[in-house]
Amino acid sequence: MIMFYMKAKQFDADFDGGKDIAAILDLSQARRPLQKQRRINVDFPDWMVESLDREASWLGVTRQSIIKIWLAERLEQVASGK
């Protein structure tokens, strides 16, 4: 691994200027704030899994992704009182 150091002002200028800064970032410890993952098990009837798979395939995402997207949308609706 090559260590590369630069001043924050230069980093900001490169980023703001549209330069590719990915090569100088160490993403090995990167985390999304408030996005800690927790594994749960949920049982679905066969017809629901088949419907999820069809929809996920149509959208080009995984079954897990469609479940997360739909749950997030619903939870946002509930939180906003709709």
C-alpha atoms as a PDB file:
ATOM      1  CA  MET A   1       0.000   0.000   0.000  1.00  0.00           C
ATOM      2  CA  ILE A   2       1.382   3.385  -0.960  1.00  0.00           C
ATOM      3  CA  MET A   3       0.848   6.130   1.596  1.00  0.00           C
ATOM      4  CA  PHE A   4       0.087   9.492   0.069  1.00  0.00           C
ATOM      5  CA  TYR A   5      -0.385  12.658   2.074  1.00  0.00           C
ATOM      6  CA  MET A   6      -1.750  15.980   0.937  1.00  0.00           C
ATOM      7  CA  LYS A   7      -2.998  19.092   2.650  1.00  0.00           C
ATOM      8  CA  ALA A   8      -6.743  19.454   3.158  1.00  0.00           C
ATOM      9  CA  LYS A   9      -6.871  22.566   0.973  1.00  0.00           C
ATOM     10  CA  GLN A  10      -5.307  20.665  -1.939  1.00  0.00           C
ATOM     11  CA  PHE A  11      -7.653  17.709  -1.356  1.00  0.00           C
ATOM     12  CA  ASP A  12     -10.675  20.035  -1.370  1.00  0.00           C
ATOM     13  CA  ALA A  13      -9.467  21.813  -4.483  1.00  0.00           C
ATOM     14  CA  ASP A  14      -8.923  18.527  -6.319  1.00  0.00           C
ATOM     15  CA  PHE A  15     -12.333  17.214  -5.238  1.00  0.00           C
ATOM     16  CA  ASP A  16     -14.130  20.451  -6.125  1.00  0.00           C
ATOM     17  CA  GLY A  17     -12.289  20.513  -9.441  1.00  0.00           C
ATOM     18  CA  GLY A  18     -13.662  17.105 -10.376  1.00  0.00           C
ATOM     19  CA  LYS A  19     -10.399  15.189 -10.074  1.00  0.00           C
ATOM     20  CA  ASP A  20     -10.535  11.496  -9.224  1.00  0.00           C
ATOM     21  CA  ILE A  21      -9.515  11.311  -5.568  1.00  0.00           C
ATOM     22  CA  ALA A  22     -10.480   7.669  -4.993  1.00  0.00           C
ATOM     23  CA  ALA A  23      -6.900   6.457  -5.334  1.00  0.00           C
ATOM     24  CA  ILE A  24      -5.742   8.500  -2.355  1.00  0.00           C
ATOM     25  CA  LEU A  25      -8.536   7.452   0.011  1.00  0.00           C
ATOM     26  CA  ASP A  26      -8.258   4.561   2.454  1.00  0.00           C
ATOM     27  CA  LEU A  27     -11.773   3.115   2.352  1.00  0.00           C
ATOM     28  CA  SER A  28     -10.939   0.002   4.370  1.00  0.00           C
ATOM     29  CA  GLN A  29     -12.447   1.499   7.520  1.00  0.00           C
ATOM     30  CA  ALA A  30     -15.196   3.556   5.884  1.00  0.00           C
ATOM     31  CA  ARG A  31     -18.625   3.322   7.466  1.00  0.00           C
ATOM     32  CA  ARG A  32     -21.941   4.956   6.695  1.00  0.00           C
ATOM     33  CA  PRO A  33     -23.158   6.980   9.680  1.00  0.00           C
ATOM     34  CA  LEU A  34     -26.241   5.557  11.367  1.00  0.00           C
ATOM     35  CA  GLN A  35     -26.191   2.612   8.967  1.00  0.00           C
ATOM     36  CA  LYS A  36     -24.957  -0.148  11.260  1.00  0.00           C
ATOM     37  CA  GLN A  37     -26.164  -3.442   9.842  1.00  0.00           C
ATOM     38  CA  ARG A  38     -28.087  -5.962  11.889  1.00  0.00           C
ATOM     39  CA  ARG A  39     -29.074  -9.390  10.638  1.00  0.00           C
ATOM     40  CA  ILE A  40     -32.645 -10.581  11.125  1.00  0.00           C
ATOM     41  CA  ASN A  41     -34.574 -13.575   9.849  1.00  0.00           C
ATOM     42  CA  VAL A  42     -37.993 -13.157   8.290  1.00  0.00           C
ATOM     43  CA  ASP A  43     -40.166 -15.940   6.919  1.00  0.00           C
ATOM     44  CA  PHE A  44     -42.284 -15.170   3.842  1.00  0.00           C
ATOM     45  CA  PRO A  45     -44.838 -17.348   2.074  1.00  0.00           C
ATOM     46  CA  ASP A  46     -43.726 -18.763  -1.291  1.00  0.00           C
ATOM     47  CA  TRP A  47     -46.039 -16.515  -3.322  1.00  0.00           C
ATOM     48  CA  MET A  48     -44.485 -13.438  -1.687  1.00  0.00           C
ATOM     49  CA  VAL A  49     -40.910 -14.578  -2.373  1.00  0.00           C
ATOM     50  CA  GLU A  50     -41.819 -15.260  -6.010  1.00  0.00           C
ATOM     51  CA  SER A  51     -43.388 -11.805  -6.337  1.00  0.00           C
ATOM     52  CA  LEU A  52     -40.360 -10.185  -4.724  1.00  0.00           C
ATOM     53  CA  ASP A  53     -38.042 -12.060  -7.073  1.00  0.00           C
ATOM     54  CA  ARG A  54     -40.035 -10.972 -10.148  1.00  0.00           C
ATOM     55  CA  GLU A  55     -40.021  -7.327  -9.063  1.00  0.00           C
ATOM     56  CA  ALA A  56     -36.348  -7.408  -8.117  1.00  0.00           C
ATOM     57  CA  SER A  57     -35.457  -8.982 -11.460  1.00  0.00           C
ATOM     58  CA  TRP A  58     -37.487  -6.370 -13.342  1.00  0.00           C
ATOM     59  CA  LEU A  59     -35.674  -3.584 -11.461  1.00  0.00           C
ATOM     60  CA  GLY A  60     -32.284  -5.285 -11.781  1.00  0.00           C
ATOM     61  CA  VAL A  61     -31.649  -5.520  -8.046  1.00  0.00           C
ATOM     62  CA  THR A  62     -31.463  -8.328  -5.516  1.00  0.00           C
ATOM     63  CA  ARG A  63     -34.359  -9.603  -3.441  1.00  0.00           C
ATOM     64  CA  GLN A  64     -32.713  -8.188  -0.334  1.00  0.00           C
ATOM     65  CA  SER A  65     -32.380  -4.777  -1.972  1.00  0.00           C
ATOM     66  CA  ILE A  66     -36.043  -4.582  -2.967  1.00  0.00           C
ATOM     67  CA  ILE A  67     -37.106  -5.543   0.553  1.00  0.00           C
ATOM     68  CA  LYS A  68     -34.861  -2.857   2.060  1.00  0.00           C
ATOM     69  CA  ILE A  69     -36.034  -0.213  -0.417  1.00  0.00           C
ATOM     70  CA  TRP A  70     -39.717  -0.933   0.137  1.00  0.00           C
ATOM     71  CA  LEU A  71     -39.394  -1.092   3.914  1.00  0.00           C
ATOM     72  CA  ALA A  72     -37.452   2.181   3.974  1.00  0.00           C
ATOM     73  CA  GLU A  73     -40.109   3.867   1.814  1.00  0.00           C
ATOM     74  CA  ARG A  74     -42.896   2.619   4.076  1.00  0.00           C
ATOM     75  CA  LEU A  75     -41.094   3.644   7.260  1.00  0.00           C
ATOM     76  CA  GLU A  76     -40.534   7.142   5.808  1.00  0.00           C
ATOM     77  CA  GLN A  77     -44.257   7.378   5.019  1.00  0.00           C
ATOM     78  CA  VAL A  78     -45.178   6.351   8.557  1.00  0.00           C
ATOM     79  CA  ALA A  79     -42.665   8.788  10.047  1.00  0.00           C
ATOM     80  CA  SER A  80     -44.037  11.662   7.974  1.00  0.00           C
ATOM     81  CA  GLY A  81     -47.609  10.832   8.987  1.00  0.00           C
ATOM     82  CA  LYS A  82     -48.858   9.902   5.514  1.00  0.00           C
END
